[in-house]
Amino acid sequence: MVAVKQEAQKIIQNLPDNCTYEDIQYHLYVVEKIKNGIKRAENGEVSSHQNAKARMAKWLTD
């Protein structure tokens, strides 16, 4: 758990001094989502391009 805390501190330190709490939350959120996506891809939990196009077509055809 220490690694997570250190990573969060590093992210915060790289933000500008005038950042807001929302900026910090957003950056932590994005890093978490990217890490989760990479983990899912490594575990084979991905969709093919064709599958993604078919799923998106349902949303875009109204």
C-alpha atoms as a PDB file:
ATOM      1  CA  MET A   1       0.000   0.000   0.000  1.00  0.00           C
ATOM      2  CA  VAL A   2       2.959   2.297   0.502  1.00  0.00           C
ATOM      3  CA  ALA A   3       3.617   2.245  -3.254  1.00  0.00           C
ATOM      4  CA  VAL A   4       0.142   3.654  -3.935  1.00  0.00           C
ATOM      5  CA  LYS A   5       0.675   6.441  -1.447  1.00  0.00           C
ATOM      6  CA  GLN A   6       4.066   7.274  -2.956  1.00  0.00           C
ATOM      7  CA  GLU A   7       2.608   7.246  -6.465  1.00  0.00           C
ATOM      8  CA  ALA A   8      -0.195   9.595  -5.397  1.00  0.00           C
ATOM      9  CA  GLN A   9       2.335  11.939  -3.812  1.00  0.00           C
ATOM     10  CA  LYS A  10       4.389  11.948  -7.016  1.00  0.00           C
ATOM     11  CA  ILE A  11       1.322  12.761  -9.114  1.00  0.00           C
ATOM     12  CA  ILE A  12       0.383  15.611  -6.782  1.00  0.00           C
ATOM     13  CA  GLN A  13       3.928  16.979  -6.727  1.00  0.00           C
ATOM     14  CA  ASN A  14       3.936  17.157 -10.539  1.00  0.00           C
ATOM     15  CA  LEU A  15       0.783  19.293 -10.597  1.00  0.00           C
ATOM     16  CA  PRO A  16       1.090  23.077 -10.614  1.00  0.00           C
ATOM     17  CA  ASP A  17       1.045  24.857  -7.269  1.00  0.00           C
ATOM     18  CA  ASN A  18      -2.287  26.505  -8.065  1.00  0.00           C
ATOM     19  CA  CYS A  19      -4.123  23.219  -8.767  1.00  0.00           C
ATOM     20  CA  THR A  20      -7.487  22.551  -7.160  1.00  0.00           C
ATOM     21  CA  TYR A  21      -8.784  19.556  -5.240  1.00  0.00           C
ATOM     22  CA  GLU A  22     -10.728  18.692  -8.390  1.00  0.00           C
ATOM     23  CA  ASP A  23      -7.492  18.677 -10.415  1.00  0.00           C
ATOM     24  CA  ILE A  24      -5.941  16.255  -7.942  1.00  0.00           C
ATOM     25  CA  GLN A  25      -9.000  13.998  -7.938  1.00  0.00           C
ATOM     26  CA  TYR A  26      -9.143  14.000 -11.728  1.00  0.00           C
ATOM     27  CA  HIS A  27      -5.494  13.032 -12.141  1.00  0.00           C
ATOM     28  CA  LEU A  28      -5.726  10.261  -9.549  1.00  0.00           C
ATOM     29  CA  TYR A  29      -8.924   9.002 -11.227  1.00  0.00           C
ATOM     30  CA  VAL A  30      -7.344   8.943 -14.684  1.00  0.00           C
ATOM     31  CA  VAL A  31      -4.255   7.080 -13.471  1.00  0.00           C
ATOM     32  CA  GLU A  32      -6.454   4.494 -11.737  1.00  0.00           C
ATOM     33  CA  LYS A  33      -8.575   3.978 -14.863  1.00  0.00           C
ATOM     34  CA  ILE A  34      -5.494   3.593 -17.065  1.00  0.00           C
ATOM     35  CA  LYS A  35      -3.964   1.045 -14.684  1.00  0.00           C
ATOM     36  CA  ASN A  36      -7.233  -0.895 -14.565  1.00  0.00           C
ATOM     37  CA  GLY A  37      -7.437  -0.871 -18.363  1.00  0.00           C
ATOM     38  CA  ILE A  38      -3.892  -2.150 -18.728  1.00  0.00           C
ATOM     39  CA  LYS A  39      -4.566  -4.881 -16.177  1.00  0.00           C
ATOM     40  CA  ARG A  40      -7.735  -5.960 -18.014  1.00  0.00           C
ATOM     41  CA  ALA A  41      -5.884  -6.009 -21.339  1.00  0.00           C
ATOM     42  CA  GLU A  42      -3.116  -8.145 -19.841  1.00  0.00           C
ATOM     43  CA  ASN A  43      -5.775 -10.570 -18.570  1.00  0.00           C
ATOM     44  CA  GLY A  44      -7.290 -10.828 -22.034  1.00  0.00           C
ATOM     45  CA  GLU A  45     -10.440  -8.913 -21.124  1.00  0.00           C
ATOM     46  CA  VAL A  46     -10.587  -7.001 -24.397  1.00  0.00           C
ATOM     47  CA  SER A  47     -13.044  -6.577 -27.264  1.00  0.00           C
ATOM     48  CA  SER A  48     -12.218  -6.917 -30.910  1.00  0.00           C
ATOM     49  CA  HIS A  49     -12.457  -3.888 -33.155  1.00  0.00           C
ATOM     50  CA  GLN A  50     -15.475  -5.428 -34.899  1.00  0.00           C
ATOM     51  CA  ASN A  51     -17.206  -6.076 -31.575  1.00  0.00           C
ATOM     52  CA  ALA A  52     -16.567  -2.503 -30.449  1.00  0.00           C
ATOM     53  CA  LYS A  53     -17.942  -1.118 -33.727  1.00  0.00           C
ATOM     54  CA  ALA A  54     -21.081  -3.247 -33.381  1.00  0.00           C
ATOM     55  CA  ARG A  55     -21.639  -2.084 -29.803  1.00  0.00           C
ATOM     56  CA  MET A  56     -21.100   1.569 -30.727  1.00  0.00           C
ATOM     57  CA  ALA A  57     -23.439   1.272 -33.736  1.00  0.00           C
ATOM     58  CA  LYS A  58     -26.323   0.631 -31.330  1.00  0.00           C
ATOM     59  CA  TRP A  59     -25.684   4.011 -29.715  1.00  0.00           C
ATOM     60  CA  LEU A  60     -25.077   5.949 -32.901  1.00  0.00           C
ATOM     61  CA  THR A  61     -27.964   4.792 -35.081  1.00  0.00           C
ATOM     62  CA  ASP A  62     -30.937   6.726 -33.741  1.00  0.00           C
END
